Protein backbone atom coordinates (compact mmCIF):
# COMPACT_ATOMS: atom_id res chain seq x y z
CA MET A 1 66.49 110.52 71.82
CA LYS A 2 66.20 110.14 75.58
CA HIS A 3 68.70 107.28 75.56
CA ALA A 4 71.31 109.03 73.39
CA VAL A 5 72.69 111.38 76.05
CA PRO A 6 73.38 108.83 78.81
CA ASN A 7 74.85 106.44 76.20
CA ALA A 8 77.19 109.18 74.97
CA ILE A 9 78.19 109.94 78.55
CA ALA A 10 78.89 106.27 79.25
CA VAL A 11 81.03 105.99 76.11
CA SER A 12 82.93 109.14 77.03
CA HIS A 13 83.63 107.80 80.52
CA ARG A 14 84.81 104.45 79.12
CA LEU A 15 87.13 106.16 76.66
CA ASP A 16 88.56 108.34 79.42
CA GLU A 17 89.18 105.23 81.50
CA VAL A 18 90.99 103.47 78.65
CA LEU A 19 93.18 106.50 77.98
CA ARG A 20 94.03 106.90 81.68
CA HIS A 21 95.21 103.30 81.82
CA ASP A 22 96.75 102.83 78.38
CA ARG A 23 97.48 106.15 76.71
CA GLY A 24 101.22 105.73 77.23
CA ARG A 25 101.21 102.26 75.73
CA LEU A 26 99.03 103.37 72.80
CA LEU A 27 101.12 106.43 72.06
CA ALA A 28 104.36 104.46 72.29
CA GLY A 29 103.00 101.86 69.88
CA LEU A 30 101.85 104.49 67.39
CA ILE A 31 105.10 106.44 67.53
CA SER A 32 107.15 103.25 67.09
CA ARG A 33 105.17 102.33 63.95
CA LEU A 34 104.70 105.77 62.45
CA GLY A 35 108.20 106.95 63.33
CA ASP A 36 107.20 110.47 64.42
CA PHE A 37 106.23 111.91 67.81
CA GLN A 38 103.79 114.53 66.58
CA LEU A 39 102.19 112.21 64.06
CA GLY A 40 101.67 109.59 66.78
CA GLU A 41 100.01 112.15 69.08
CA ASP A 42 97.77 113.46 66.27
CA ALA A 43 96.79 109.93 65.24
CA LEU A 44 95.78 108.99 68.78
CA GLN A 45 93.76 112.18 69.13
CA GLU A 46 91.91 111.47 65.89
CA ALA A 47 91.31 107.85 66.92
CA SER A 48 89.85 109.06 70.23
CA ILE A 49 87.46 111.39 68.42
CA ALA A 50 86.46 108.54 66.11
CA ALA A 51 85.86 106.29 69.14
CA LEU A 52 83.30 108.70 70.58
CA LYS A 53 81.33 108.50 67.35
CA HIS A 54 81.62 104.78 66.55
CA TRP A 55 81.40 103.39 70.09
CA GLY A 56 78.29 105.45 70.71
CA ARG A 57 76.68 103.85 67.65
CA THR A 58 77.93 100.24 67.86
CA GLY A 59 79.04 99.89 71.48
CA VAL A 60 82.47 99.69 73.07
CA PRO A 61 84.56 96.96 71.35
CA TYR A 62 85.77 93.88 73.20
CA ASP A 63 89.37 95.18 73.09
CA PRO A 64 89.19 99.00 73.04
CA VAL A 65 92.99 99.37 73.22
CA ALA A 66 93.48 97.29 70.06
CA TRP A 67 90.67 99.26 68.36
CA LEU A 68 92.33 102.59 69.17
CA MET A 69 95.71 101.27 68.03
CA LYS A 70 94.33 100.03 64.72
CA VAL A 71 92.31 103.17 63.98
CA GLY A 72 95.15 105.43 65.15
CA LEU A 73 97.58 103.65 62.85
CA ASN A 74 95.17 104.00 59.93
CA LYS A 75 94.82 107.72 60.67
CA GLY A 76 98.58 108.08 60.71
CA ILE A 77 98.94 106.18 57.44
CA ASP A 78 96.36 108.49 55.89
CA HIS A 79 98.50 111.48 56.83
CA ILE A 80 101.59 109.83 55.36
CA ARG A 81 99.74 108.96 52.17
CA ALA A 82 98.61 112.53 51.79
CA ALA A 83 102.16 113.81 52.20
CA GLN A 84 104.12 111.13 50.38
CA ARG A 85 102.00 109.19 47.91
CA GLU A 86 103.47 106.07 46.35
CA THR A 87 106.62 106.24 48.46
CA LYS A 88 108.30 103.19 49.95
CA ARG A 89 107.49 104.44 53.47
CA THR A 90 103.79 104.41 52.70
CA THR A 91 103.98 100.98 51.11
CA ASP A 92 105.73 99.60 54.17
CA PHE A 93 103.05 100.91 56.49
CA VAL A 94 100.20 99.70 54.28
CA SER A 95 101.62 96.18 54.46
CA LEU A 96 101.06 96.07 58.22
CA SER A 97 98.09 93.93 59.22
CA PRO A 98 95.84 94.33 62.27
CA ASP A 99 97.37 91.15 63.72
CA VAL A 100 100.82 92.73 63.69
CA ILE A 101 99.42 95.91 65.19
CA CYS A 102 97.89 94.19 68.18
CA ASP A 103 100.52 91.57 68.94
CA ASP A 104 103.64 92.13 70.99
CA ILE A 105 106.78 92.72 68.95
CA ASP A 106 109.84 90.62 69.65
CA GLU A 107 112.47 93.33 70.09
CA THR A 108 115.25 93.97 72.59
CA ILE A 109 113.11 96.17 74.83
CA PRO A 110 109.79 94.33 75.27
CA ASP A 111 107.52 97.18 76.36
CA GLU A 112 106.54 100.00 74.01
CA ARG A 113 106.58 102.59 76.79
CA LEU A 114 110.12 101.68 77.76
CA ARG A 115 111.18 101.92 74.12
CA LEU A 116 109.67 105.39 73.97
CA ILE A 117 111.47 106.42 77.17
CA PHE A 118 114.81 105.37 75.68
CA THR A 119 113.96 107.35 72.55
CA CYS A 120 112.99 110.44 74.55
CA CYS A 121 116.31 110.14 76.40
CA HIS A 122 118.38 110.59 73.23
CA PRO A 123 121.69 112.34 74.09
CA ALA A 124 121.07 114.96 71.38
CA LEU A 125 118.46 116.50 73.71
CA GLU A 126 119.16 118.38 76.93
CA GLU A 127 118.55 116.23 79.99
CA LYS A 128 115.70 118.41 81.22
CA SER A 129 114.05 118.20 77.81
CA ARG A 130 114.47 114.42 77.77
CA ILE A 131 112.65 113.99 81.07
CA ALA A 132 109.94 116.51 80.20
CA LEU A 133 109.26 114.85 76.84
CA THR A 134 109.03 111.45 78.54
CA LEU A 135 106.53 112.69 81.11
CA ARG A 136 104.41 114.35 78.43
CA THR A 137 104.32 111.55 75.87
CA VAL A 138 104.61 108.38 77.94
CA CYS A 139 102.63 109.42 81.02
CA ASN A 140 100.30 112.10 79.66
CA LEU A 141 101.23 114.56 82.37
CA THR A 142 100.04 118.06 81.56
CA THR A 143 102.46 120.83 80.78
CA ARG A 144 101.45 122.47 84.07
CA GLU A 145 102.22 119.32 86.09
CA ILE A 146 105.63 118.90 84.48
CA ALA A 147 106.43 122.59 84.97
CA ALA A 148 105.62 122.24 88.67
CA ALA A 149 107.98 119.26 88.97
CA PHE A 150 110.78 121.30 87.38
CA LEU A 151 109.92 124.55 89.20
CA ASP A 152 109.38 126.20 85.79
CA SER A 153 106.57 128.32 84.40
CA GLU A 154 104.05 126.56 82.20
CA GLN A 155 105.02 128.74 79.23
CA THR A 156 108.74 128.00 79.61
CA LEU A 157 108.11 124.27 79.84
CA GLY A 158 105.80 124.35 76.82
CA GLN A 159 108.49 126.02 74.75
CA ARG A 160 111.01 123.42 75.90
CA LEU A 161 108.74 120.59 74.78
CA SER A 162 108.16 122.22 71.38
CA ARG A 163 111.91 122.66 70.84
CA ALA A 164 112.57 119.03 71.79
CA LYS A 165 110.03 117.71 69.29
CA ALA A 166 111.36 120.05 66.59
CA LYS A 167 114.91 118.83 67.23
CA ILE A 168 113.80 115.20 66.96
CA ARG A 169 112.20 115.96 63.59
CA SER A 170 115.07 118.03 62.23
CA LYS A 171 117.72 115.49 63.22
CA GLY A 172 115.65 112.56 62.05
CA ILE A 173 115.97 110.84 65.40
CA GLY A 174 112.64 109.07 65.08
CA PHE A 175 111.77 106.11 67.27
CA SER A 176 115.06 104.30 67.73
CA VAL A 177 116.57 102.20 70.48
CA PRO A 178 120.35 102.02 70.94
CA ASP A 179 122.22 98.75 71.21
CA PRO A 180 122.39 97.42 74.80
CA GLU A 181 126.05 98.41 75.14
CA ARG A 182 125.02 102.05 74.61
CA TRP A 183 122.16 102.08 77.11
CA SER A 184 124.37 103.54 79.82
CA GLU A 185 124.42 106.97 78.12
CA ARG A 186 120.63 107.15 78.50
CA LEU A 187 120.11 105.13 81.66
CA SER A 188 120.46 107.97 84.17
CA THR A 189 117.84 110.08 82.40
CA ALA A 190 115.56 107.07 81.96
CA LEU A 191 115.71 106.36 85.70
CA SER A 192 115.03 110.00 86.56
CA SER A 193 112.04 109.91 84.21
CA LEU A 194 110.66 106.73 85.75
CA TYR A 195 111.02 108.14 89.24
CA LEU A 196 109.21 111.32 88.23
CA VAL A 197 106.47 109.13 86.76
CA PHE A 198 106.14 107.50 90.18
CA THR A 199 106.30 110.69 92.24
CA SER A 200 103.84 112.49 89.94
CA GLY A 201 101.30 109.78 90.68
CA TYR A 202 102.11 109.90 94.38
CA VAL A 203 101.66 113.65 94.72
CA SER A 204 98.52 113.92 92.57
CA GLU A 205 96.83 110.67 93.60
CA ASP A 206 93.69 112.39 94.89
CA SER A 207 93.02 114.23 91.63
CA SER A 208 94.69 112.18 88.89
CA PRO A 209 93.71 108.49 88.80
CA ARG A 210 96.25 107.55 86.14
CA TYR A 211 97.99 104.85 88.16
CA LEU A 212 101.37 106.45 87.60
CA CYS A 213 102.86 104.90 90.74
CA GLN A 214 102.14 101.41 89.48
CA GLU A 215 103.44 102.28 86.02
CA GLY A 216 106.67 103.68 87.46
CA ILE A 217 107.27 100.52 89.48
CA PHE A 218 106.32 98.21 86.60
CA LEU A 219 108.64 99.92 84.12
CA THR A 220 111.51 100.05 86.63
CA ARG A 221 111.10 96.32 87.29
CA LEU A 222 111.23 95.75 83.54
CA LEU A 223 114.33 97.92 83.24
CA ARG A 224 115.97 95.88 86.00
CA GLN A 225 115.30 92.70 84.01
CA LEU A 226 116.91 94.25 80.95
CA CYS A 227 119.91 95.60 82.89
CA PRO A 228 120.46 93.15 85.78
CA TYR A 229 123.01 93.92 88.49
CA ASP A 230 122.82 97.69 87.96
CA PRO A 231 122.88 99.20 91.48
CA GLU A 232 121.16 102.47 90.54
CA ILE A 233 118.21 100.68 88.95
CA GLU A 234 118.00 98.59 92.10
CA GLY A 235 118.18 101.72 94.23
CA ALA A 236 115.40 103.43 92.27
CA LEU A 237 113.16 100.37 92.52
CA ALA A 238 113.83 100.03 96.27
CA LEU A 239 112.98 103.70 96.77
CA MET A 240 109.67 103.37 94.92
CA LEU A 241 108.73 100.20 96.81
CA LEU A 242 109.51 101.73 100.21
CA THR A 243 107.40 104.76 99.36
CA GLU A 244 104.54 102.70 97.94
CA SER A 245 104.56 100.38 100.98
CA ARG A 246 103.28 103.27 103.13
CA ARG A 247 100.30 104.13 100.92
CA ARG A 248 97.61 102.82 103.30
CA ALA A 249 99.06 104.80 106.22
CA ARG A 250 99.60 108.02 104.30
CA ILE A 251 96.10 109.50 104.69
CA ASP A 252 94.17 109.51 108.00
CA ALA A 253 90.42 109.13 108.55
CA GLY A 254 89.96 112.89 108.22
CA GLY A 255 91.60 112.95 104.78
CA ALA A 256 94.83 114.60 105.98
CA ILE A 257 98.29 113.43 105.02
CA VAL A 258 100.28 111.75 107.81
CA PRO A 259 104.07 112.33 107.96
CA VAL A 260 106.14 109.14 107.87
CA GLU A 261 107.28 109.45 111.49
CA GLN A 262 103.65 109.74 112.66
CA GLN A 263 102.23 106.87 110.59
CA ASP A 264 100.90 103.61 112.01
CA PRO A 265 103.50 100.98 110.98
CA SER A 266 100.87 98.23 111.20
CA LEU A 267 99.34 99.71 108.04
CA TRP A 268 102.59 99.40 106.09
CA GLN A 269 102.98 96.56 103.57
CA ASN A 270 105.75 94.51 105.15
CA ASP A 271 106.27 92.22 102.16
CA MET A 272 106.99 95.25 99.96
CA ILE A 273 109.33 96.68 102.59
CA SER A 274 111.22 93.39 102.84
CA GLU A 275 111.59 93.21 99.07
CA ALA A 276 112.84 96.81 98.93
CA GLN A 277 115.38 96.22 101.72
CA ARG A 278 116.63 93.06 100.03
CA ILE A 279 117.06 94.86 96.70
CA LEU A 280 118.83 97.78 98.42
CA GLU A 281 121.22 95.41 100.20
CA GLU A 282 122.07 93.78 96.87
CA ALA A 283 122.79 97.20 95.38
CA ILE A 284 125.01 98.29 98.28
CA VAL A 285 127.07 95.10 98.07
CA ARG A 286 128.10 96.08 94.53
CA LYS A 287 130.00 99.05 96.03
CA GLN A 288 129.01 101.47 93.27
CA PRO A 289 127.17 104.19 95.23
CA GLY A 290 124.78 106.54 93.49
CA PRO A 291 121.97 109.00 94.28
CA PHE A 292 119.07 106.56 94.01
CA GLN A 293 120.70 104.12 96.39
CA ILE A 294 121.28 106.94 98.87
CA LYS A 295 117.68 108.15 98.58
CA ALA A 296 116.43 104.62 99.17
CA ALA A 297 118.64 104.36 102.26
CA ILE A 298 117.23 107.69 103.52
CA ALA A 299 113.69 106.36 103.04
CA ASP A 300 114.61 103.20 104.94
CA CYS A 301 116.08 105.23 107.83
CA HIS A 302 112.94 107.38 107.90
CA MET A 303 110.91 104.22 108.54
CA MET A 304 113.07 102.93 111.41
CA GLN A 305 111.24 101.95 114.59
CA PRO A 306 110.55 103.18 117.20
CA LYS A 307 111.64 106.44 115.54
CA PRO A 308 113.53 107.58 112.43
CA ASP A 309 117.32 107.50 112.47
CA TRP A 310 117.73 111.24 111.92
CA PHE A 311 121.49 111.19 112.51
CA GLN A 312 122.07 108.56 109.83
CA MET A 313 119.73 110.45 107.51
CA SER A 314 121.83 113.59 107.96
CA LEU A 315 124.97 111.67 107.00
CA LEU A 316 123.20 110.25 103.96
CA TYR A 317 122.09 113.71 102.86
CA ARG A 318 125.72 114.80 103.10
CA SER A 319 126.60 111.97 100.70
CA LEU A 320 123.67 112.79 98.41
CA TRP A 321 124.84 116.39 98.20
CA VAL A 322 127.99 115.17 96.40
CA TYR A 323 125.82 113.80 93.59
CA GLU A 324 122.95 116.28 93.64
CA PRO A 325 123.90 119.68 95.11
CA THR A 326 120.38 121.00 94.50
CA PRO A 327 118.19 123.36 96.53
CA VAL A 328 115.60 120.59 97.08
CA VAL A 329 118.24 118.34 98.66
CA ALA A 330 119.35 121.28 100.79
CA LEU A 331 115.75 121.83 101.94
CA ASN A 332 115.25 118.21 102.99
CA TRP A 333 118.62 118.18 104.72
CA ALA A 334 117.66 121.32 106.66
CA VAL A 335 114.49 119.63 107.97
CA VAL A 336 116.59 116.70 109.21
CA MET A 337 118.93 119.17 110.91
CA ALA A 338 115.94 120.65 112.72
CA GLU A 339 114.91 117.18 113.89
CA LEU A 340 118.39 116.80 115.36
CA GLY A 341 117.91 120.00 117.36
CA HIS A 342 119.78 122.42 115.08
CA CYS A 343 116.74 124.59 114.42
CA GLU A 344 118.50 127.94 114.13
CA ARG A 345 120.94 126.53 111.60
CA ALA A 346 118.10 124.85 109.72
CA LEU A 347 116.09 128.10 109.54
CA GLN A 348 119.13 129.97 108.27
CA ARG A 349 119.56 127.40 105.51
CA LEU A 350 115.88 127.60 104.56
CA ASP A 351 116.05 131.39 104.39
CA GLU A 352 119.05 131.11 102.07
CA LEU A 353 116.95 128.99 99.72
CA GLN A 354 114.24 131.66 99.32
CA THR A 355 115.73 132.99 96.08
CA GLU A 356 116.00 129.60 94.39
CA LEU A 357 112.80 128.09 95.79
CA GLY A 358 110.59 131.13 96.13
CA ASN A 359 107.64 129.41 94.42
CA TYR A 360 108.25 125.94 95.88
CA GLN A 361 105.44 125.05 98.29
CA PRO A 362 107.43 122.56 100.46
CA LEU A 363 109.82 125.38 101.39
CA TYR A 364 107.03 127.23 103.22
CA ALA A 365 105.76 124.07 104.87
CA ALA A 366 109.29 123.29 106.11
CA ARG A 367 109.86 126.87 107.22
CA ALA A 368 106.57 126.89 109.14
CA TYR A 369 107.54 123.67 110.90
CA VAL A 370 110.98 124.94 111.92
CA LEU A 371 109.66 128.34 113.03
CA ASN A 372 107.07 126.57 115.16
CA LYS A 373 109.77 124.44 116.78
CA LEU A 374 111.64 127.65 117.59
CA GLY A 375 108.53 129.13 119.22
CA ASN A 376 108.10 131.88 116.61
CA THR A 377 104.39 131.23 116.16
CA PRO A 378 103.36 134.45 114.33
CA GLU A 379 105.84 133.82 111.49
CA ALA A 380 105.08 130.12 111.60
CA CYS A 381 101.36 130.82 111.12
CA ALA A 382 102.10 133.10 108.18
CA ALA A 383 104.25 130.42 106.57
CA TYR A 384 101.54 127.81 107.12
CA HIS A 385 99.00 130.08 105.40
CA HIS A 386 101.28 130.39 102.37
CA ALA A 387 101.91 126.64 102.28
CA ILE A 388 98.17 125.85 102.47
CA GLN A 389 97.34 128.18 99.58
CA ASN A 390 99.85 126.40 97.33
CA ALA A 391 99.46 122.81 98.56
CA PRO A 392 99.57 120.20 95.75
CA ASN A 393 96.51 118.24 96.92
CA ASP A 394 93.66 118.23 99.40
CA ALA A 395 95.36 115.82 101.81
CA SER A 396 98.30 118.19 102.20
CA ARG A 397 95.99 121.15 102.71
CA ARG A 398 94.12 119.34 105.47
CA PHE A 399 97.32 118.41 107.27
CA LEU A 400 98.75 121.92 107.06
CA ALA A 401 95.46 123.46 108.17
CA ARG A 402 95.54 121.23 111.23
CA GLU A 403 99.12 122.24 112.00
CA LEU A 404 98.17 125.90 111.55
CA GLN A 405 95.33 125.47 114.02
CA ARG A 406 97.66 123.93 116.59
CA CYS A 407 100.19 126.67 116.04
CA SER A 408 97.59 129.41 116.46
CA LEU A 409 96.18 127.81 119.62
CA ALA A 410 99.65 127.69 121.11
CA SER A 411 100.04 131.41 120.50
CA ALA A 412 96.46 132.20 121.57
CA GLN A 413 95.82 133.69 118.11
CA PRO A 414 92.68 132.12 116.61
CA VAL A 415 92.74 131.93 112.84
CA LYS A 416 90.36 130.85 110.09
CA THR A 417 91.63 127.79 108.30
CA GLN A 418 91.10 127.07 104.64
CA GLU A 419 90.60 123.50 103.51
């Protein structure tokens, strides 16, 4: 009896680890075989519960992913049998063997997660619903995390996800992949989804070890192989690589985030930077500009030495605005304007965004920075306080607390920081 508790804990931790690494792949495989989003999710949940019981009794299997896939598929087949006994659909599923379950399938899109992304991006769904469904099913992001990315409430986003799944069921969309010549109608949403996969891992890296950055890069590389010579895929991949190349310089010894312009370039991964720049150059040569290429170029300018090319970044944001006239683009553009010395204009633009971005934490961090540059330390301190309270992770809180302390010292107004 004394050994049962620690064994159960060890099994639980191992299962959690497997699901963090492979939930997207497992879910995609189950949905592709069972042909239903909700049934795939339910089957994986039941397989996970079964794993806690069986692994605790017999030990973790040699290939836990294959075990979960096999048991999950059996659970799904049981549900189908209960609902449609003796139907052809049931017979077809029963004929599947464990060998087929565990082996790769020779289809046009060679990764289950990428197949699922293309399915989630069906044109019958609204674009926002497509991306949200991808993040929920493929990447296991919580409804709260996805809502934060979209600046929505958790309840609103939950309702959107429910409607999307209901629409897939009612229209009989199932798990289908279009012919390659029709990929273009889903490609933009697929790229946006993959980039959100990457950025979700980047923002939540200190609290969510799900390796989403690596998954985003891996799947974008795979998409590039499937659709070679597409400049926007190249732009998205270059943007992810440039961002990822700075990972080791992003957090200082005190656990605070370090802005790009203050990072130690010797900590950057030069091979990744070179690859990103090469890919971006190939994309630009195709003379088919798009938002991901522009964002990658902005990231490259931000990393220029000895200092960022703020003027070129401002011009690039002007070009990006043509494709994405969004409040987030306007916010980032305003910060660049402040770096160029146009602080009053930048503050005016940030104030205009209050209505649209009232609950968006980066707005208050940017506003605090600009107010501080203008010498308005009391308002800057207030904005820093607000930004700290709503920071997405501990590294951001530490950085903002440090900036608040500097701001308060400059105004001779000591404050208590919250980390």
